[in-house]
mmCIF file of all heavy atoms, coordinates in Angstrom:
data_MODEL
# 
_entry.id   MODEL 
# 
loop_
_atom_site.group_PDB 
_atom_site.id 
_atom_site.type_symbol 
_atom_site.label_atom_id 
_atom_site.label_alt_id 
_atom_site.label_comp_id 
_atom_site.label_asym_id 
_atom_site.label_entity_id 
_atom_site.label_seq_id 
_atom_site.pdbx_PDB_ins_code 
_atom_site.Cartn_x 
_atom_site.Cartn_y 
_atom_site.Cartn_z 
_atom_site.occupancy 
_atom_site.B_iso_or_equiv 
_atom_site.pdbx_formal_charge 
_atom_site.auth_seq_id 
_atom_site.auth_comp_id 
_atom_site.auth_asym_id 
_atom_site.auth_atom_id 
_atom_site.pdbx_PDB_model_num 
ATOM 1   N N   . ILE A 1 1  ? 27.587 -2.560  -0.325  1.00 0.00 ? 1  ILE A N   1 
ATOM 2   C CA  . ILE A 1 1  ? 26.581 -2.371  -1.346  1.00 0.00 ? 1  ILE A CA  1 
ATOM 3   C C   . ILE A 1 1  ? 25.394 -3.318  -1.110  1.00 0.00 ? 1  ILE A C   1 
ATOM 4   O O   . ILE A 1 1  ? 25.575 -4.535  -1.062  1.00 0.00 ? 1  ILE A O   1 
ATOM 5   C CB  . ILE A 1 1  ? 27.173 -2.586  -2.765  1.00 0.00 ? 1  ILE A CB  1 
ATOM 6   C CG1 . ILE A 1 1  ? 28.265 -1.551  -3.036  1.00 0.00 ? 1  ILE A CG1 1 
ATOM 7   C CG2 . ILE A 1 1  ? 26.082 -2.501  -3.823  1.00 0.00 ? 1  ILE A CG2 1 
ATOM 8   C CD1 . ILE A 1 1  ? 28.903 -1.670  -4.390  1.00 0.00 ? 1  ILE A CD1 1 
ATOM 9   N N   . LYS A 1 2  ? 24.251 -2.740  -0.943  1.00 0.00 ? 2  LYS A N   1 
ATOM 10  C CA  . LYS A 1 2  ? 23.020 -3.533  -0.725  1.00 0.00 ? 2  LYS A CA  1 
ATOM 11  C C   . LYS A 1 2  ? 22.266 -3.694  -2.060  1.00 0.00 ? 2  LYS A C   1 
ATOM 12  O O   . LYS A 1 2  ? 22.219 -2.755  -2.860  1.00 0.00 ? 2  LYS A O   1 
ATOM 13  C CB  . LYS A 1 2  ? 22.114 -2.837  0.295   1.00 0.00 ? 2  LYS A CB  1 
ATOM 14  C CG  . LYS A 1 2  ? 22.849 -2.381  1.561   1.00 0.00 ? 2  LYS A CG  1 
ATOM 15  C CD  . LYS A 1 2  ? 23.532 -3.540  2.279   1.00 0.00 ? 2  LYS A CD  1 
ATOM 16  C CE  . LYS A 1 2  ? 24.259 -3.028  3.529   1.00 0.00 ? 2  LYS A CE  1 
ATOM 17  N NZ  . LYS A 1 2  ? 25.005 -4.143  4.208   1.00 0.00 ? 2  LYS A NZ  1 
ATOM 18  N N   . LYS A 1 3  ? 21.689 -4.852  -2.270  1.00 0.00 ? 3  LYS A N   1 
ATOM 19  C CA  . LYS A 1 3  ? 20.968 -5.140  -3.499  1.00 0.00 ? 3  LYS A CA  1 
ATOM 20  C C   . LYS A 1 3  ? 19.542 -5.585  -3.213  1.00 0.00 ? 3  LYS A C   1 
ATOM 21  O O   . LYS A 1 3  ? 19.314 -6.397  -2.312  1.00 0.00 ? 3  LYS A O   1 
ATOM 22  C CB  . LYS A 1 3  ? 21.666 -6.223  -4.316  1.00 0.00 ? 3  LYS A CB  1 
ATOM 23  C CG  . LYS A 1 3  ? 23.066 -5.855  -4.789  1.00 0.00 ? 3  LYS A CG  1 
ATOM 24  C CD  . LYS A 1 3  ? 23.681 -6.968  -5.624  1.00 0.00 ? 3  LYS A CD  1 
ATOM 25  C CE  . LYS A 1 3  ? 25.085 -6.613  -6.118  1.00 0.00 ? 3  LYS A CE  1 
ATOM 26  N NZ  . LYS A 1 3  ? 25.668 -7.674  -6.969  1.00 0.00 ? 3  LYS A NZ  1 
ATOM 27  N N   . VAL A 1 4  ? 18.625 -5.047  -3.966  1.00 0.00 ? 4  VAL A N   1 
ATOM 28  C CA  . VAL A 1 4  ? 17.231 -5.470  -3.887  1.00 0.00 ? 4  VAL A CA  1 
ATOM 29  C C   . VAL A 1 4  ? 16.775 -5.848  -5.297  1.00 0.00 ? 4  VAL A C   1 
ATOM 30  O O   . VAL A 1 4  ? 16.733 -5.002  -6.195  1.00 0.00 ? 4  VAL A O   1 
ATOM 31  C CB  . VAL A 1 4  ? 16.316 -4.336  -3.356  1.00 0.00 ? 4  VAL A CB  1 
ATOM 32  C CG1 . VAL A 1 4  ? 14.848 -4.796  -3.378  1.00 0.00 ? 4  VAL A CG1 1 
ATOM 33  C CG2 . VAL A 1 4  ? 16.733 -3.943  -1.954  1.00 0.00 ? 4  VAL A CG2 1 
ATOM 34  N N   . PHE A 1 5  ? 16.474 -7.131  -5.500  1.00 0.00 ? 5  PHE A N   1 
ATOM 35  C CA  . PHE A 1 5  ? 15.986 -7.596  -6.810  1.00 0.00 ? 5  PHE A CA  1 
ATOM 36  C C   . PHE A 1 5  ? 14.478 -7.520  -6.844  1.00 0.00 ? 5  PHE A C   1 
ATOM 37  O O   . PHE A 1 5  ? 13.795 -7.917  -5.891  1.00 0.00 ? 5  PHE A O   1 
ATOM 38  C CB  . PHE A 1 5  ? 16.472 -9.046  -7.069  1.00 0.00 ? 5  PHE A CB  1 
ATOM 39  C CG  . PHE A 1 5  ? 17.946 -9.129  -7.262  1.00 0.00 ? 5  PHE A CG  1 
ATOM 40  C CD1 . PHE A 1 5  ? 18.788 -9.492  -6.206  1.00 0.00 ? 5  PHE A CD1 1 
ATOM 41  C CD2 . PHE A 1 5  ? 18.537 -8.845  -8.498  1.00 0.00 ? 5  PHE A CD2 1 
ATOM 42  C CE1 . PHE A 1 5  ? 20.157 -9.566  -6.350  1.00 0.00 ? 5  PHE A CE1 1 
ATOM 43  C CE2 . PHE A 1 5  ? 19.917 -8.915  -8.660  1.00 0.00 ? 5  PHE A CE2 1 
ATOM 44  C CZ  . PHE A 1 5  ? 20.713 -9.293  -7.601  1.00 0.00 ? 5  PHE A CZ  1 
ATOM 45  N N   . VAL A 1 6  ? 13.945 -7.025  -7.956  1.00 0.00 ? 6  VAL A N   1 
ATOM 46  C CA  . VAL A 1 6  ? 12.527 -6.739  -8.064  1.00 0.00 ? 6  VAL A CA  1 
ATOM 47  C C   . VAL A 1 6  ? 11.855 -7.752  -8.976  1.00 0.00 ? 6  VAL A C   1 
ATOM 48  O O   . VAL A 1 6  ? 12.282 -7.970  -10.102 1.00 0.00 ? 6  VAL A O   1 
ATOM 49  C CB  . VAL A 1 6  ? 12.283 -5.306  -8.630  1.00 0.00 ? 6  VAL A CB  1 
ATOM 50  C CG1 . VAL A 1 6  ? 10.800 -5.015  -8.703  1.00 0.00 ? 6  VAL A CG1 1 
ATOM 51  C CG2 . VAL A 1 6  ? 13.011 -4.284  -7.754  1.00 0.00 ? 6  VAL A CG2 1 
ATOM 52  N N   . ASP A 1 7  ? 10.806 -8.387  -8.454  1.00 0.00 ? 7  ASP A N   1 
ATOM 53  C CA  . ASP A 1 7  ? 9.997  -9.290  -9.259  1.00 0.00 ? 7  ASP A CA  1 
ATOM 54  C C   . ASP A 1 7  ? 9.220  -8.468  -10.278 1.00 0.00 ? 7  ASP A C   1 
ATOM 55  O O   . ASP A 1 7  ? 8.380  -7.635  -9.891  1.00 0.00 ? 7  ASP A O   1 
ATOM 56  C CB  . ASP A 1 7  ? 9.045  -10.058 -8.348  1.00 0.00 ? 7  ASP A CB  1 
ATOM 57  C CG  . ASP A 1 7  ? 8.214  -11.125 -9.086  1.00 0.00 ? 7  ASP A CG  1 
ATOM 58  O OD1 . ASP A 1 7  ? 8.108  -11.029 -10.335 1.00 0.00 ? 7  ASP A OD1 1 
ATOM 59  O OD2 . ASP A 1 7  ? 7.699  -12.030 -8.444  1.00 0.00 ? 7  ASP A OD2 1 
ATOM 60  N N   . PRO A 1 8  ? 9.439  -8.670  -11.566 1.00 0.00 ? 8  PRO A N   1 
ATOM 61  C CA  . PRO A 1 8  ? 8.774  -7.817  -12.567 1.00 0.00 ? 8  PRO A CA  1 
ATOM 62  C C   . PRO A 1 8  ? 7.248  -7.974  -12.589 1.00 0.00 ? 8  PRO A C   1 
ATOM 63  O O   . PRO A 1 8  ? 6.565  -7.092  -13.086 1.00 0.00 ? 8  PRO A O   1 
ATOM 64  C CB  . PRO A 1 8  ? 9.390  -8.268  -13.888 1.00 0.00 ? 8  PRO A CB  1 
ATOM 65  C CG  . PRO A 1 8  ? 9.913  -9.663  -13.617 1.00 0.00 ? 8  PRO A CG  1 
ATOM 66  C CD  . PRO A 1 8  ? 10.335 -9.659  -12.199 1.00 0.00 ? 8  PRO A CD  1 
ATOM 67  N N   . SER A 1 9  ? 6.757  -9.073  -12.038 1.00 0.00 ? 9  SER A N   1 
ATOM 68  C CA  . SER A 1 9  ? 5.300  -9.283  -12.085 1.00 0.00 ? 9  SER A CA  1 
ATOM 69  C C   . SER A 1 9  ? 4.572  -8.437  -11.058 1.00 0.00 ? 9  SER A C   1 
ATOM 70  O O   . SER A 1 9  ? 3.363  -8.181  -11.207 1.00 0.00 ? 9  SER A O   1 
ATOM 71  C CB  . SER A 1 9  ? 4.970  -10.768 -11.864 1.00 0.00 ? 9  SER A CB  1 
ATOM 72  O OG  . SER A 1 9  ? 5.382  -11.181 -10.565 1.00 0.00 ? 9  SER A OG  1 
ATOM 73  N N   . VAL A 1 10 ? 5.283  -7.990  -10.012 1.00 0.00 ? 10 VAL A N   1 
ATOM 74  C CA  . VAL A 1 10 ? 4.628  -7.207  -8.970  1.00 0.00 ? 10 VAL A CA  1 
ATOM 75  C C   . VAL A 1 10 ? 5.303  -5.841  -8.744  1.00 0.00 ? 10 VAL A C   1 
ATOM 76  O O   . VAL A 1 10 ? 4.717  -4.962  -8.127  1.00 0.00 ? 10 VAL A O   1 
ATOM 77  C CB  . VAL A 1 10 ? 4.563  -7.976  -7.626  1.00 0.00 ? 10 VAL A CB  1 
ATOM 78  C CG1 . VAL A 1 10 ? 3.720  -9.207  -7.777  1.00 0.00 ? 10 VAL A CG1 1 
ATOM 79  C CG2 . VAL A 1 10 ? 5.976  -8.339  -7.147  1.00 0.00 ? 10 VAL A CG2 1 
ATOM 80  N N   . GLY A 1 11 ? 6.514  -5.668  -9.226  1.00 0.00 ? 11 GLY A N   1 
ATOM 81  C CA  . GLY A 1 11 ? 7.228  -4.426  -9.023  1.00 0.00 ? 11 GLY A CA  1 
ATOM 82  C C   . GLY A 1 11 ? 7.841  -4.321  -7.641  1.00 0.00 ? 11 GLY A C   1 
ATOM 83  O O   . GLY A 1 11 ? 7.765  -5.250  -6.818  1.00 0.00 ? 11 GLY A O   1 
ATOM 84  N N   . LEU A 1 12 ? 8.449  -3.176  -7.358  1.00 0.00 ? 12 LEU A N   1 
ATOM 85  C CA  . LEU A 1 12 ? 9.048  -2.959  -6.042  1.00 0.00 ? 12 LEU A CA  1 
ATOM 86  C C   . LEU A 1 12 ? 7.953  -2.826  -5.001  1.00 0.00 ? 12 LEU A C   1 
ATOM 87  O O   . LEU A 1 12 ? 7.012  -2.039  -5.159  1.00 0.00 ? 12 LEU A O   1 
ATOM 88  C CB  . LEU A 1 12 ? 9.900  -1.675  -6.076  1.00 0.00 ? 12 LEU A CB  1 
ATOM 89  C CG  . LEU A 1 12 ? 10.585 -1.297  -4.748  1.00 0.00 ? 12 LEU A CG  1 
ATOM 90  C CD1 . LEU A 1 12 ? 11.651 -2.327  -4.410  1.00 0.00 ? 12 LEU A CD1 1 
ATOM 91  C CD2 . LEU A 1 12 ? 11.193 0.081   -4.836  1.00 0.00 ? 12 LEU A CD2 1 
ATOM 92  N N   . ARG A 1 13 ? 8.070  -3.628  -3.958  1.00 0.00 ? 13 ARG A N   1 
ATOM 93  C CA  . ARG A 1 13 ? 7.069  -3.608  -2.880  1.00 0.00 ? 13 ARG A CA  1 
ATOM 94  C C   . ARG A 1 13 ? 7.531  -2.692  -1.775  1.00 0.00 ? 13 ARG A C   1 
ATOM 95  O O   . ARG A 1 13 ? 8.740  -2.565  -1.476  1.00 0.00 ? 13 ARG A O   1 
ATOM 96  C CB  . ARG A 1 13 ? 6.836  -5.028  -2.319  1.00 0.00 ? 13 ARG A CB  1 
ATOM 97  C CG  . ARG A 1 13 ? 6.560  -6.094  -3.358  1.00 0.00 ? 13 ARG A CG  1 
ATOM 98  C CD  . ARG A 1 13 ? 5.481  -5.667  -4.345  1.00 0.00 ? 13 ARG A CD  1 
ATOM 99  N NE  . ARG A 1 13 ? 4.193  -5.483  -3.700  1.00 0.00 ? 13 ARG A NE  1 
ATOM 100 C CZ  . ARG A 1 13 ? 3.182  -4.795  -4.215  1.00 0.00 ? 13 ARG A CZ  1 
ATOM 101 N NH1 . ARG A 1 13 ? 3.320  -4.211  -5.397  1.00 0.00 ? 13 ARG A NH1 1 
ATOM 102 N NH2 . ARG A 1 13 ? 2.039  -4.696  -3.555  1.00 0.00 ? 13 ARG A NH2 1 
ATOM 103 N N   . PRO A 1 14 ? 6.602  -2.015  -1.069  1.00 0.00 ? 14 PRO A N   1 
ATOM 104 C CA  . PRO A 1 14 ? 6.968  -1.108  0.021   1.00 0.00 ? 14 PRO A CA  1 
ATOM 105 C C   . PRO A 1 14 ? 7.828  -1.773  1.098   1.00 0.00 ? 14 PRO A C   1 
ATOM 106 O O   . PRO A 1 14 ? 8.722  -1.119  1.658   1.00 0.00 ? 14 PRO A O   1 
ATOM 107 C CB  . PRO A 1 14 ? 5.616  -0.669  0.564   1.00 0.00 ? 14 PRO A CB  1 
ATOM 108 C CG  . PRO A 1 14 ? 4.685  -0.755  -0.613  1.00 0.00 ? 14 PRO A CG  1 
ATOM 109 C CD  . PRO A 1 14 ? 5.151  -1.961  -1.376  1.00 0.00 ? 14 PRO A CD  1 
ATOM 110 N N   . TYR A 1 15 ? 7.545  -3.048  1.397   1.00 0.00 ? 15 TYR A N   1 
ATOM 111 C CA  . TYR A 1 15 ? 8.342  -3.703  2.448   1.00 0.00 ? 15 TYR A CA  1 
ATOM 112 C C   . TYR A 1 15 ? 9.814  -3.819  2.044   1.00 0.00 ? 15 TYR A C   1 
ATOM 113 O O   . TYR A 1 15 ? 10.726 -3.760  2.893   1.00 0.00 ? 15 TYR A O   1 
ATOM 114 C CB  . TYR A 1 15 ? 7.767  -5.058  2.820   1.00 0.00 ? 15 TYR A CB  1 
ATOM 115 C CG  . TYR A 1 15 ? 8.109  -6.196  1.894   1.00 0.00 ? 15 TYR A CG  1 
ATOM 116 C CD1 . TYR A 1 15 ? 9.291  -6.917  2.059   1.00 0.00 ? 15 TYR A CD1 1 
ATOM 117 C CD2 . TYR A 1 15 ? 7.280  -6.535  0.827   1.00 0.00 ? 15 TYR A CD2 1 
ATOM 118 C CE1 . TYR A 1 15 ? 9.612  -7.975  1.205   1.00 0.00 ? 15 TYR A CE1 1 
ATOM 119 C CE2 . TYR A 1 15 ? 7.600  -7.579  -0.041  1.00 0.00 ? 15 TYR A CE2 1 
ATOM 120 C CZ  . TYR A 1 15 ? 8.775  -8.295  0.170   1.00 0.00 ? 15 TYR A CZ  1 
ATOM 121 O OH  . TYR A 1 15 ? 9.111  -9.313  -0.689  1.00 0.00 ? 15 TYR A OH  1 
ATOM 122 N N   . GLN A 1 16 ? 10.060 -4.004  0.724   1.00 0.00 ? 16 GLN A N   1 
ATOM 123 C CA  . GLN A 1 16 ? 11.446 -4.089  0.240   1.00 0.00 ? 16 GLN A CA  1 
ATOM 124 C C   . GLN A 1 16 ? 12.155 -2.734  0.416   1.00 0.00 ? 16 GLN A C   1 
ATOM 125 O O   . GLN A 1 16 ? 13.306 -2.682  0.844   1.00 0.00 ? 16 GLN A O   1 
ATOM 126 C CB  . GLN A 1 16 ? 11.489 -4.503  -1.230  1.00 0.00 ? 16 GLN A CB  1 
ATOM 127 C CG  . GLN A 1 16 ? 11.037 -5.927  -1.499  1.00 0.00 ? 16 GLN A CG  1 
ATOM 128 C CD  . GLN A 1 16 ? 11.028 -6.219  -2.992  1.00 0.00 ? 16 GLN A CD  1 
ATOM 129 O OE1 . GLN A 1 16 ? 10.312 -5.587  -3.760  1.00 0.00 ? 16 GLN A OE1 1 
ATOM 130 N NE2 . GLN A 1 16 ? 11.840 -7.192  -3.407  1.00 0.00 ? 16 GLN A NE2 1 
ATOM 131 N N   . ALA A 1 17 ? 11.443 -1.668  0.069   1.00 0.00 ? 17 ALA A N   1 
ATOM 132 C CA  . ALA A 1 17 ? 11.991 -0.324  0.217   1.00 0.00 ? 17 ALA A CA  1 
ATOM 133 C C   . ALA A 1 17 ? 12.241 -0.015  1.711   1.00 0.00 ? 17 ALA A C   1 
ATOM 134 O O   . ALA A 1 17 ? 13.225 0.625   2.060   1.00 0.00 ? 17 ALA A O   1 
ATOM 135 C CB  . ALA A 1 17 ? 11.052 0.687   -0.393  1.00 0.00 ? 17 ALA A CB  1 
ATOM 136 N N   . ASN A 1 18 ? 11.332 -0.489  2.567   1.00 0.00 ? 18 ASN A N   1 
ATOM 137 C CA  . ASN A 1 18 ? 11.473 -0.256  3.996   1.00 0.00 ? 18 ASN A CA  1 
ATOM 138 C C   . ASN A 1 18 ? 12.709 -0.995  4.553   1.00 0.00 ? 18 ASN A C   1 
ATOM 139 O O   . ASN A 1 18 ? 13.478 -0.438  5.337   1.00 0.00 ? 18 ASN A O   1 
ATOM 140 C CB  . ASN A 1 18 ? 10.221 -0.736  4.703   1.00 0.00 ? 18 ASN A CB  1 
ATOM 141 C CG  . ASN A 1 18 ? 10.150 -0.264  6.157   1.00 0.00 ? 18 ASN A CG  1 
ATOM 142 O OD1 . ASN A 1 18 ? 9.991  0.921   6.430   1.00 0.00 ? 18 ASN A OD1 1 
ATOM 143 N ND2 . ASN A 1 18 ? 10.277 -1.211  7.094   1.00 0.00 ? 18 ASN A ND2 1 
ATOM 144 N N   . GLU A 1 19 ? 12.869 -2.257  4.123   1.00 0.00 ? 19 GLU A N   1 
ATOM 145 C CA  . GLU A 1 19 ? 14.030 -3.026  4.571   1.00 0.00 ? 19 GLU A CA  1 
ATOM 146 C C   . GLU A 1 19 ? 15.336 -2.371  4.095   1.00 0.00 ? 19 GLU A C   1 
ATOM 147 O O   . GLU A 1 19 ? 16.331 -2.320  4.865   1.00 0.00 ? 19 GLU A O   1 
ATOM 148 C CB  . GLU A 1 19 ? 13.959 -4.458  4.015   1.00 0.00 ? 19 GLU A CB  1 
ATOM 149 C CG  . GLU A 1 19 ? 12.894 -5.305  4.680   1.00 0.00 ? 19 GLU A CG  1 
ATOM 150 C CD  . GLU A 1 19 ? 12.805 -6.707  4.065   1.00 0.00 ? 19 GLU A CD  1 
ATOM 151 O OE1 . GLU A 1 19 ? 13.492 -6.941  3.041   1.00 0.00 ? 19 GLU A OE1 1 
ATOM 152 O OE2 . GLU A 1 19 ? 12.055 -7.542  4.577   1.00 0.00 ? 19 GLU A OE2 1 
ATOM 153 N N   . LEU A 1 20 ? 15.336 -1.835  2.886   1.00 0.00 ? 20 LEU A N   1 
ATOM 154 C CA  . LEU A 1 20 ? 16.516 -1.175  2.371   1.00 0.00 ? 20 LEU A CA  1 
ATOM 155 C C   . LEU A 1 20 ? 16.859 0.078   3.178   1.00 0.00 ? 20 LEU A C   1 
ATOM 156 O O   . LEU A 1 20 ? 18.023 0.326   3.479   1.00 0.00 ? 20 LEU A O   1 
ATOM 157 C CB  . LEU A 1 20 ? 16.296 -0.801  0.878   1.00 0.00 ? 20 LEU A CB  1 
ATOM 158 C CG  . LEU A 1 20 ? 17.464 -0.127  0.167   1.00 0.00 ? 20 LEU A CG  1 
ATOM 159 C CD1 . LEU A 1 20 ? 18.696 -1.044  0.171   1.00 0.00 ? 20 LEU A CD1 1 
ATOM 160 C CD2 . LEU A 1 20 ? 17.089 0.226   -1.273  1.00 0.00 ? 20 LEU A CD2 1 
ATOM 161 N N   . ALA A 1 21 ? 15.850 0.829   3.551   1.00 0.00 ? 21 ALA A N   1 
ATOM 162 C CA  . ALA A 1 21 ? 16.088 2.037   4.357   1.00 0.00 ? 21 ALA A CA  1 
ATOM 163 C C   . ALA A 1 21 ? 16.743 1.680   5.680   1.00 0.00 ? 21 ALA A C   1 
ATOM 164 O O   . ALA A 1 21 ? 17.662 2.377   6.154   1.00 0.00 ? 21 ALA A O   1 
ATOM 165 C CB  . ALA A 1 21 ? 14.752 2.766   4.605   1.00 0.00 ? 21 ALA A CB  1 
ATOM 166 N N   . PHE A 1 22 ? 16.314 0.564   6.303   1.00 0.00 ? 22 PHE A N   1 
ATOM 167 C CA  . PHE A 1 22 ? 16.928 0.162   7.581   1.00 0.00 ? 22 PHE A CA  1 
ATOM 168 C C   . PHE A 1 22 ? 18.326 -0.394  7.371   1.00 0.00 ? 22 PHE A C   1 
ATOM 169 O O   . PHE A 1 22 ? 19.212 -0.189  8.197   1.00 0.00 ? 22 PHE A O   1 
ATOM 170 C CB  . PHE A 1 22 ? 16.040 -0.854  8.287   1.00 0.00 ? 22 PHE A CB  1 
ATOM 171 C CG  . PHE A 1 22 ? 14.933 -0.221  9.101   1.00 0.00 ? 22 PHE A CG  1 
ATOM 172 C CD1 . PHE A 1 22 ? 13.644 -0.111  8.585   1.00 0.00 ? 22 PHE A CD1 1 
ATOM 173 C CD2 . PHE A 1 22 ? 15.191 0.270   10.368  1.00 0.00 ? 22 PHE A CD2 1 
ATOM 174 C CE1 . PHE A 1 22 ? 12.635 0.481   9.324   1.00 0.00 ? 22 PHE A CE1 1 
ATOM 175 C CE2 . PHE A 1 22 ? 14.197 0.868   11.126  1.00 0.00 ? 22 PHE A CE2 1 
ATOM 176 C CZ  . PHE A 1 22 ? 12.894 0.959   10.587  1.00 0.00 ? 22 PHE A CZ  1 
ATOM 177 N N   . GLU A 1 23 ? 18.564 -1.084  6.238   1.00 0.00 ? 23 GLU A N   1 
ATOM 178 C CA  . GLU A 1 23 ? 19.891 -1.610  5.966   1.00 0.00 ? 23 GLU A CA  1 
ATOM 179 C C   . GLU A 1 23 ? 20.884 -0.469  5.772   1.00 0.00 ? 23 GLU A C   1 
ATOM 180 O O   . GLU A 1 23 ? 22.078 -0.610  6.082   1.00 0.00 ? 23 GLU A O   1 
ATOM 181 C CB  . GLU A 1 23 ? 19.872 -2.469  4.703   1.00 0.00 ? 23 GLU A CB  1 
ATOM 182 C CG  . GLU A 1 23 ? 19.285 -3.868  4.912   1.00 0.00 ? 23 GLU A CG  1 
ATOM 183 C CD  . GLU A 1 23 ? 19.521 -4.756  3.727   1.00 0.00 ? 23 GLU A CD  1 
ATOM 184 O OE1 . GLU A 1 23 ? 20.665 -5.147  3.476   1.00 0.00 ? 23 GLU A OE1 1 
ATOM 185 O OE2 . GLU A 1 23 ? 18.540 -5.063  3.004   1.00 0.00 ? 23 GLU A OE2 1 
ATOM 186 N N   . LEU A 1 24 ? 20.408 0.676   5.276   1.00 0.00 ? 24 LEU A N   1 
ATOM 187 C CA  . LEU A 1 24 ? 21.279 1.842   5.113   1.00 0.00 ? 24 LEU A CA  1 
ATOM 188 C C   . LEU A 1 24 ? 21.394 2.649   6.409   1.00 0.00 ? 24 LEU A C   1 
ATOM 189 O O   . LEU A 1 24 ? 22.064 3.689   6.397   1.00 0.00 ? 24 LEU A O   1 
ATOM 190 C CB  . LEU A 1 24 ? 20.712 2.743   3.986   1.00 0.00 ? 24 LEU A CB  1 
ATOM 191 C CG  . LEU A 1 24 ? 20.712 2.115   2.586   1.00 0.00 ? 24 LEU A CG  1 
ATOM 192 C CD1 . LEU A 1 24 ? 20.001 3.059   1.611   1.00 0.00 ? 24 LEU A CD1 1 
ATOM 193 C CD2 . LEU A 1 24 ? 22.124 1.836   2.105   1.00 0.00 ? 24 LEU A CD2 1 
ATOM 194 N N   . LYS A 1 25 ? 20.751 2.162   7.460   1.00 0.00 ? 25 LYS A N   1 
ATOM 195 C CA  . LYS A 1 25 ? 20.857 2.784   8.787   1.00 0.00 ? 25 LYS A CA  1 
ATOM 196 C C   . LYS A 1 25 ? 20.390 4.230   8.795   1.00 0.00 ? 25 LYS A C   1 
ATOM 197 O O   . LYS A 1 25 ? 20.941 5.069   9.514   1.00 0.00 ? 25 LYS A O   1 
ATOM 198 C CB  . LYS A 1 25 ? 22.290 2.659   9.316   1.00 0.00 ? 25 LYS A CB  1 
ATOM 199 C CG  . LYS A 1 25 ? 22.781 1.222   9.428   1.00 0.00 ? 25 LYS A CG  1 
ATOM 200 C CD  . LYS A 1 25 ? 24.219 1.154   9.922   1.00 0.00 ? 25 LYS A CD  1 
ATOM 201 C CE  . LYS A 1 25 ? 24.663 -0.317  9.991   1.00 0.00 ? 25 LYS A CE  1 
ATOM 202 N NZ  . LYS A 1 25 ? 26.085 -0.443  10.465  1.00 0.00 ? 25 LYS A NZ  1 
ATOM 203 N N   . ILE A 1 26 ? 19.380 4.491   8.013   1.00 0.00 ? 26 ILE A N   1 
ATOM 204 C CA  . ILE A 1 26 ? 18.852 5.840   7.974   1.00 0.00 ? 26 ILE A CA  1 
ATOM 205 C C   . ILE A 1 26 ? 18.266 6.237   9.319   1.00 0.00 ? 26 ILE A C   1 
ATOM 206 O O   . ILE A 1 26 ? 18.313 7.408   9.732   1.00 0.00 ? 26 ILE A O   1 
ATOM 207 C CB  . ILE A 1 26 ? 17.800 5.958   6.829   1.00 0.00 ? 26 ILE A CB  1 
ATOM 208 C CG1 . ILE A 1 26 ? 18.510 5.841   5.480   1.00 0.00 ? 26 ILE A CG1 1 
ATOM 209 C CG2 . ILE A 1 26 ? 17.005 7.245   6.918   1.00 0.00 ? 26 ILE A CG2 1 
ATOM 210 C CD1 . ILE A 1 26 ? 17.582 5.802   4.302   1.00 0.00 ? 26 ILE A CD1 1 
# 
């Protein structure tokens, strides 16, 4: 299970979503 915590002041950043996609080995 992979976790990405989001800073509420800036929201989810594209680089975080990109890292998650690679962690899931898409």
